[in-house]
Amino acid sequence: MLFLVISTPRPERPSDVAAARQTFWPWIEAYREKKVCRHIYPRIGRGAVAVFDVDSNNDLHRILNEWADIIPAHFDTY
């Protein structure tokens, strides 16, 4: 199943989340290599837009929980 996910990070000072933000791209790259994350684009300012191809809602839920552990955010999912 394909899902479009738009993240909107919490409004924290950029310096407070700089270290976590640097771990995000290597983390998502592992999903890109597995073809689970089909596309990911940074949004202007903050956040990202991603397309995931997962087998179930539970798989997507697990991925979004991991994402929120790295960068706390609100996710719009379509």
C-alpha atoms as a PDB file:
ATOM      1  CA  MET A   1       0.000   0.000   0.000  1.00  0.00           C
ATOM      2  CA  LEU A   2       1.271   3.450  -0.856  1.00  0.00           C
ATOM      3  CA  PHE A   3       1.054   6.274   1.672  1.00  0.00           C
ATOM      4  CA  LEU A   4       1.950   9.920   1.286  1.00  0.00           C
ATOM      5  CA  VAL A   5       3.254  11.321   4.582  1.00  0.00           C
ATOM      6  CA  ILE A   6       3.808  15.021   5.253  1.00  0.00           C
ATOM      7  CA  SER A   7       5.690  15.845   8.435  1.00  0.00           C
ATOM      8  CA  THR A   8       5.467  19.098  10.350  1.00  0.00           C
ATOM      9  CA  PRO A   9       8.071  19.145  13.141  1.00  0.00           C
ATOM     10  CA  ARG A  10       7.384  20.749  16.481  1.00  0.00           C
ATOM     11  CA  PRO A  11       8.506  24.394  16.561  1.00  0.00           C
ATOM     12  CA  GLU A  12      11.725  23.967  18.500  1.00  0.00           C
ATOM     13  CA  ARG A  13      14.919  25.921  18.153  1.00  0.00           C
ATOM     14  CA  PRO A  14      16.962  24.473  15.279  1.00  0.00           C
ATOM     15  CA  SER A  15      20.039  24.218  17.485  1.00  0.00           C
ATOM     16  CA  ASP A  16      18.099  22.043  19.956  1.00  0.00           C
ATOM     17  CA  VAL A  17      17.395  19.360  17.342  1.00  0.00           C
ATOM     18  CA  ALA A  18      20.480  19.663  15.128  1.00  0.00           C
ATOM     19  CA  ALA A  19      22.072  16.404  16.301  1.00  0.00           C
ATOM     20  CA  ALA A  20      18.850  14.433  15.909  1.00  0.00           C
ATOM     21  CA  ARG A  21      18.233  15.961  12.490  1.00  0.00           C
ATOM     22  CA  GLN A  22      21.637  14.705  11.308  1.00  0.00           C
ATOM     23  CA  THR A  23      20.658  11.119  12.184  1.00  0.00           C
ATOM     24  CA  PHE A  24      17.411  11.331  10.209  1.00  0.00           C
ATOM     25  CA  TRP A  25      18.841  11.063   6.701  1.00  0.00           C
ATOM     26  CA  PRO A  26      20.961   7.922   7.336  1.00  0.00           C
ATOM     27  CA  TRP A  27      17.928   6.362   9.071  1.00  0.00           C
ATOM     28  CA  ILE A  28      15.566   7.050   6.137  1.00  0.00           C
ATOM     29  CA  GLU A  29      18.227   5.923   3.645  1.00  0.00           C
ATOM     30  CA  ALA A  30      17.984   2.403   5.083  1.00  0.00           C
ATOM     31  CA  TYR A  31      14.283   2.389   4.177  1.00  0.00           C
ATOM     32  CA  ARG A  32      15.067   3.772   0.720  1.00  0.00           C
ATOM     33  CA  GLU A  33      17.520   0.927   0.095  1.00  0.00           C
ATOM     34  CA  LYS A  34      14.782  -1.582   1.024  1.00  0.00           C
ATOM     35  CA  LYS A  35      12.347   0.217  -1.355  1.00  0.00           C
ATOM     36  CA  VAL A  36       9.980   0.896   1.570  1.00  0.00           C
ATOM     37  CA  CYS A  37      10.496   4.637   1.215  1.00  0.00           C
ATOM     38  CA  ARG A  38       9.941   5.305  -2.479  1.00  0.00           C
ATOM     39  CA  HIS A  39      10.518   9.075  -2.334  1.00  0.00           C
ATOM     40  CA  ILE A  40      11.484  11.646   0.278  1.00  0.00           C
ATOM     41  CA  TYR A  41      11.754  15.387  -0.186  1.00  0.00           C
ATOM     42  CA  PRO A  42      12.615  18.055   2.377  1.00  0.00           C
ATOM     43  CA  ARG A  43      10.060  20.818   2.755  1.00  0.00           C
ATOM     44  CA  ILE A  44      11.097  24.442   2.648  1.00  0.00           C
ATOM     45  CA  GLY A  45      11.713  25.511   6.216  1.00  0.00           C
ATOM     46  CA  ARG A  46      11.060  22.333   8.183  1.00  0.00           C
ATOM     47  CA  GLY A  47       9.667  18.900   7.603  1.00  0.00           C
ATOM     48  CA  ALA A  48       9.599  16.394   4.789  1.00  0.00           C
ATOM     49  CA  VAL A  49       7.258  14.720   2.332  1.00  0.00           C
ATOM     50  CA  ALA A  50       7.649  10.973   1.835  1.00  0.00           C
ATOM     51  CA  VAL A  51       5.987   8.162  -0.077  1.00  0.00           C
ATOM     52  CA  PHE A  52       6.061   4.791   1.666  1.00  0.00           C
ATOM     53  CA  ASP A  53       5.199   1.403   0.189  1.00  0.00           C
ATOM     54  CA  VAL A  54       4.332  -0.872   3.116  1.00  0.00           C
ATOM     55  CA  ASP A  55       2.397  -4.115   3.577  1.00  0.00           C
ATOM     56  CA  SER A  56       0.159  -2.900   6.397  1.00  0.00           C
ATOM     57  CA  ASN A  57      -0.919   0.056   8.489  1.00  0.00           C
ATOM     58  CA  ASN A  58       1.081  -1.442  11.364  1.00  0.00           C
ATOM     59  CA  ASP A  59       4.281  -1.224   9.315  1.00  0.00           C
ATOM     60  CA  LEU A  60       3.622   2.432   8.556  1.00  0.00           C
ATOM     61  CA  HIS A  61       2.782   3.098  12.217  1.00  0.00           C
ATOM     62  CA  ARG A  62       6.115   1.567  13.294  1.00  0.00           C
ATOM     63  CA  ILE A  63       8.053   3.695  10.797  1.00  0.00           C
ATOM     64  CA  LEU A  64       6.289   6.906  11.850  1.00  0.00           C
ATOM     65  CA  ASN A  65       6.974   6.134  15.514  1.00  0.00           C
ATOM     66  CA  GLU A  66      10.670   5.711  14.703  1.00  0.00           C
ATOM     67  CA  TRP A  67      10.582   8.994  12.760  1.00  0.00           C
ATOM     68  CA  ALA A  68       8.916  10.808  15.672  1.00  0.00           C
ATOM     69  CA  ASP A  69      11.574   9.454  18.034  1.00  0.00           C
ATOM     70  CA  ILE A  70      14.227  11.121  15.881  1.00  0.00           C
ATOM     71  CA  ILE A  71      12.333  14.350  15.121  1.00  0.00           C
ATOM     72  CA  PRO A  72       9.081  14.926  17.027  1.00  0.00           C
ATOM     73  CA  ALA A  73       6.479  15.911  14.448  1.00  0.00           C
ATOM     74  CA  HIS A  74       2.852  15.889  13.389  1.00  0.00           C
ATOM     75  CA  PHE A  75       2.161  13.645  10.384  1.00  0.00           C
ATOM     76  CA  ASP A  76      -0.547  14.072   7.768  1.00  0.00           C
ATOM     77  CA  THR A  77      -1.055  10.723   6.073  1.00  0.00           C
ATOM     78  CA  TYR A  78      -2.847  10.133   2.797  1.00  0.00           C
END
